[in-house]
Amino acid sequence: MLVSTKGRYAIKVMTDLAEHYGQGYISLQDIADRQEISEKYLENIIRSLVADNLLEGQRGKGGGYKLTKSPEEYTLGRILRLTEGSLSPVSCMTESGQCEKVDNCNSMKVWQEADRIINEYFDSVKLSSMLE
């Protein structure tokens, strides 16, 4: 499993907003400046986070973005699956890469166990723990 820049930046955005939880809407420019990430690149990431209801946005003066729930209610697994599509260690375990030899694959049990461990781990890491 290789987490893309999009996945890593999504976690940075969510962590930044978690650090400012309860302070109202945070501008995209402020997030981009603090995280040293292009505002233009963040727009795409933010769009998917808003579409999946992880963030709420407001336009205009005093606008920006904020978490829809408390930081304790988010897991890195949910954020990464949204941005990455899958956390599977091999492409043959994803819906789009499913191999026709899966039923006779000697290594499939290893990949399934790795997938289980990876998903359990990221699902156990709360966004709030990133602040500690």
C-alpha atoms as a PDB file:
ATOM      1  CA  MET A   1       0.000   0.000   0.000  1.00  0.00           C
ATOM      2  CA  LEU A   2       1.350   3.366  -1.013  1.00  0.00           C
ATOM      3  CA  VAL A   3      -0.562   6.420   0.207  1.00  0.00           C
ATOM      4  CA  SER A   4      -0.645   9.152  -2.418  1.00  0.00           C
ATOM      5  CA  THR A   5       0.019  12.837  -1.908  1.00  0.00           C
ATOM      6  CA  LYS A   6      -3.749  13.363  -1.989  1.00  0.00           C
ATOM      7  CA  GLY A   7      -4.227  10.992   0.950  1.00  0.00           C
ATOM      8  CA  ARG A   8      -1.385  12.506   2.959  1.00  0.00           C
ATOM      9  CA  TYR A   9      -2.604  16.047   2.325  1.00  0.00           C
ATOM     10  CA  ALA A  10      -6.181  15.108   3.231  1.00  0.00           C
ATOM     11  CA  ILE A  11      -4.911  13.945   6.613  1.00  0.00           C
ATOM     12  CA  LYS A  12      -2.940  17.194   6.993  1.00  0.00           C
ATOM     13  CA  VAL A  13      -6.058  19.255   6.201  1.00  0.00           C
ATOM     14  CA  MET A  14      -8.217  17.263   8.599  1.00  0.00           C
ATOM     15  CA  THR A  15      -5.574  17.483  11.333  1.00  0.00           C
ATOM     16  CA  ASP A  16      -5.256  21.231  10.812  1.00  0.00           C
ATOM     17  CA  LEU A  17      -9.016  21.641  11.134  1.00  0.00           C
ATOM     18  CA  ALA A  18      -9.026  19.368  14.193  1.00  0.00           C
ATOM     19  CA  GLU A  19      -6.431  21.657  15.807  1.00  0.00           C
ATOM     20  CA  HIS A  20      -8.821  24.557  15.233  1.00  0.00           C
ATOM     21  CA  TYR A  21     -12.002  22.661  16.095  1.00  0.00           C
ATOM     22  CA  GLY A  22     -14.591  24.893  17.712  1.00  0.00           C
ATOM     23  CA  GLN A  23     -13.084  28.084  16.275  1.00  0.00           C
ATOM     24  CA  GLY A  24     -15.569  28.450  13.439  1.00  0.00           C
ATOM     25  CA  TYR A  25     -14.758  28.334   9.754  1.00  0.00           C
ATOM     26  CA  ILE A  26     -11.083  28.266   8.794  1.00  0.00           C
ATOM     27  CA  SER A  27     -10.100  29.739   5.436  1.00  0.00           C
ATOM     28  CA  LEU A  28      -8.502  27.535   2.833  1.00  0.00           C
ATOM     29  CA  GLN A  29      -5.700  30.097   2.523  1.00  0.00           C
ATOM     30  CA  ASP A  30      -4.889  29.762   6.244  1.00  0.00           C
ATOM     31  CA  ILE A  31      -4.775  25.975   5.958  1.00  0.00           C
ATOM     32  CA  ALA A  32      -2.624  26.136   2.816  1.00  0.00           C
ATOM     33  CA  ASP A  33      -0.211  28.572   4.463  1.00  0.00           C
ATOM     34  CA  ARG A  34       0.154  26.558   7.674  1.00  0.00           C
ATOM     35  CA  GLN A  35       0.574  23.256   5.854  1.00  0.00           C
ATOM     36  CA  GLU A  36       2.725  24.724   3.050  1.00  0.00           C
ATOM     37  CA  ILE A  37       0.525  23.192   0.383  1.00  0.00           C
ATOM     38  CA  SER A  38      -0.764  24.882  -2.768  1.00  0.00           C
ATOM     39  CA  GLU A  39      -4.240  26.318  -2.217  1.00  0.00           C
ATOM     40  CA  LYS A  40      -5.187  25.210  -5.729  1.00  0.00           C
ATOM     41  CA  TYR A  41      -4.214  21.598  -4.952  1.00  0.00           C
ATOM     42  CA  LEU A  42      -6.129  21.698  -1.665  1.00  0.00           C
ATOM     43  CA  GLU A  43      -9.311  22.807  -3.440  1.00  0.00           C
ATOM     44  CA  ASN A  44      -9.637  19.365  -5.054  1.00  0.00           C
ATOM     45  CA  ILE A  45      -9.031  17.550  -1.787  1.00  0.00           C
ATOM     46  CA  ILE A  46     -11.451  19.782   0.119  1.00  0.00           C
ATOM     47  CA  ARG A  47     -14.128  19.217  -2.518  1.00  0.00           C
ATOM     48  CA  SER A  48     -14.137  15.451  -1.926  1.00  0.00           C
ATOM     49  CA  LEU A  49     -14.084  15.905   1.878  1.00  0.00           C
ATOM     50  CA  VAL A  50     -17.118  18.220   1.669  1.00  0.00           C
ATOM     51  CA  ALA A  51     -18.939  15.904  -0.757  1.00  0.00           C
ATOM     52  CA  ASP A  52     -18.529  13.012   1.699  1.00  0.00           C
ATOM     53  CA  ASN A  53     -19.751  15.236   4.568  1.00  0.00           C
ATOM     54  CA  LEU A  54     -16.468  15.135   6.480  1.00  0.00           C
ATOM     55  CA  LEU A  55     -16.259  18.918   6.212  1.00  0.00           C
ATOM     56  CA  GLU A  56     -18.712  21.767   5.957  1.00  0.00           C
ATOM     57  CA  GLY A  57     -17.936  24.824   3.880  1.00  0.00           C
ATOM     58  CA  GLN A  58     -19.190  28.381   3.905  1.00  0.00           C
ATOM     59  CA  ARG A  59     -18.568  31.016   1.239  1.00  0.00           C
ATOM     60  CA  GLY A  60     -17.962  34.703   1.680  1.00  0.00           C
ATOM     61  CA  LYS A  61     -16.469  36.833   4.396  1.00  0.00           C
ATOM     62  CA  GLY A  62     -15.746  34.752   7.474  1.00  0.00           C
ATOM     63  CA  GLY A  63     -16.180  31.613   5.406  1.00  0.00           C
ATOM     64  CA  GLY A  64     -13.979  28.593   5.081  1.00  0.00           C
ATOM     65  CA  TYR A  65     -14.185  25.018   6.288  1.00  0.00           C
ATOM     66  CA  LYS A  66     -14.782  23.159   9.513  1.00  0.00           C
ATOM     67  CA  LEU A  67     -15.241  19.584  10.673  1.00  0.00           C
ATOM     68  CA  THR A  68     -18.819  18.309  10.704  1.00  0.00           C
ATOM     69  CA  LYS A  69     -18.099  16.220  13.832  1.00  0.00           C
ATOM     70  CA  SER A  70     -15.638  16.247  16.689  1.00  0.00           C
ATOM     71  CA  PRO A  71     -12.084  15.024  15.930  1.00  0.00           C
ATOM     72  CA  GLU A  72     -12.714  11.881  18.018  1.00  0.00           C
ATOM     73  CA  GLU A  73     -15.375  10.751  15.545  1.00  0.00           C
ATOM     74  CA  TYR A  74     -13.059  10.563  12.511  1.00  0.00           C
ATOM     75  CA  THR A  75     -10.673   7.751  11.716  1.00  0.00           C
ATOM     76  CA  LEU A  76      -7.716   7.867   9.376  1.00  0.00           C
ATOM     77  CA  GLY A  77      -9.209   4.801   7.678  1.00  0.00           C
ATOM     78  CA  ARG A  78     -12.279   6.711   6.546  1.00  0.00           C
ATOM     79  CA  ILE A  79     -10.220   9.659   5.317  1.00  0.00           C
ATOM     80  CA  LEU A  80      -7.764   7.460   3.440  1.00  0.00           C
ATOM     81  CA  ARG A  81     -10.432   5.240   1.869  1.00  0.00           C
ATOM     82  CA  LEU A  82     -12.180   8.382   0.619  1.00  0.00           C
ATOM     83  CA  THR A  83      -9.035   9.801  -0.973  1.00  0.00           C
ATOM     84  CA  GLU A  84      -7.293   6.578  -1.969  1.00  0.00           C
ATOM     85  CA  GLY A  85     -10.301   4.437  -2.865  1.00  0.00           C
ATOM     86  CA  SER A  86      -8.802   1.397  -1.159  1.00  0.00           C
ATOM     87  CA  LEU A  87      -6.164   0.515   1.398  1.00  0.00           C
ATOM     88  CA  SER A  88      -5.566  -2.915  -0.111  1.00  0.00           C
ATOM     89  CA  PRO A  89      -1.915  -3.968  -0.299  1.00  0.00           C
ATOM     90  CA  VAL A  90      -2.338  -5.485  -3.785  1.00  0.00           C
ATOM     91  CA  SER A  91      -4.442  -4.403  -6.755  1.00  0.00           C
ATOM     92  CA  CYS A  92      -6.007  -7.837  -7.238  1.00  0.00           C
ATOM     93  CA  MET A  93      -8.026  -7.310  -4.041  1.00  0.00           C
ATOM     94  CA  THR A  94      -9.775  -4.183  -5.284  1.00  0.00           C
ATOM     95  CA  GLU A  95     -13.033  -4.363  -7.224  1.00  0.00           C
ATOM     96  CA  SER A  96     -11.435  -2.926 -10.349  1.00  0.00           C
ATOM     97  CA  GLY A  97      -8.403  -5.227 -10.186  1.00  0.00           C
ATOM     98  CA  GLN A  98     -10.064  -8.484  -9.143  1.00  0.00           C
ATOM     99  CA  CYS A  99      -8.153 -11.379 -10.674  1.00  0.00           C
ATOM    100  CA  GLU A 100      -9.930 -14.345 -12.222  1.00  0.00           C
ATOM    101  CA  LYS A 101      -7.452 -16.645 -10.429  1.00  0.00           C
ATOM    102  CA  VAL A 102      -8.385 -15.397  -6.952  1.00  0.00           C
ATOM    103  CA  ASP A 103      -9.978 -18.731  -5.945  1.00  0.00           C
ATOM    104  CA  ASN A 104      -6.765 -20.649  -6.706  1.00  0.00           C
ATOM    105  CA  CYS A 105      -4.229 -18.085  -5.526  1.00  0.00           C
ATOM    106  CA  ASN A 106      -1.724 -19.459  -3.014  1.00  0.00           C
ATOM    107  CA  SER A 107      -0.850 -16.019  -1.696  1.00  0.00           C
ATOM    108  CA  MET A 108      -4.378 -14.609  -1.364  1.00  0.00           C
ATOM    109  CA  LYS A 109      -4.644 -15.506   2.341  1.00  0.00           C
ATOM    110  CA  VAL A 110      -1.489 -13.482   3.032  1.00  0.00           C
ATOM    111  CA  TRP A 111      -2.881 -10.467   1.172  1.00  0.00           C
ATOM    112  CA  GLN A 112      -6.255 -10.771   2.883  1.00  0.00           C
ATOM    113  CA  GLU A 113      -4.597 -10.828   6.299  1.00  0.00           C
ATOM    114  CA  ALA A 114      -2.407  -7.847   5.406  1.00  0.00           C
ATOM    115  CA  ASP A 115      -5.519  -6.005   4.193  1.00  0.00           C
ATOM    116  CA  ARG A 116      -7.330  -6.790   7.453  1.00  0.00           C
ATOM    117  CA  ILE A 117      -4.402  -5.563   9.562  1.00  0.00           C
ATOM    118  CA  ILE A 118      -3.981  -2.360   7.537  1.00  0.00           C
ATOM    119  CA  ASN A 119      -7.691  -1.522   7.679  1.00  0.00           C
ATOM    120  CA  GLU A 120      -7.996  -2.341  11.388  1.00  0.00           C
ATOM    121  CA  TYR A 121      -4.990  -0.168  12.156  1.00  0.00           C
ATOM    122  CA  PHE A 122      -6.141   2.902  10.223  1.00  0.00           C
ATOM    123  CA  ASP A 123      -9.692   2.463  11.524  1.00  0.00           C
ATOM    124  CA  SER A 124      -8.318   2.486  15.079  1.00  0.00           C
ATOM    125  CA  VAL A 125      -6.420   5.774  14.670  1.00  0.00           C
ATOM    126  CA  LYS A 126      -8.672   8.697  15.548  1.00  0.00           C
ATOM    127  CA  LEU A 127      -8.071  12.126  14.073  1.00  0.00           C
ATOM    128  CA  SER A 128      -7.891  13.464  17.628  1.00  0.00           C
ATOM    129  CA  SER A 129      -4.869  11.233  18.331  1.00  0.00           C
ATOM    130  CA  MET A 130      -2.947  13.091  15.630  1.00  0.00           C
ATOM    131  CA  LEU A 131      -3.026  16.156  17.895  1.00  0.00           C
ATOM    132  CA  GLU A 132      -1.224  14.446  20.764  1.00  0.00           C
END
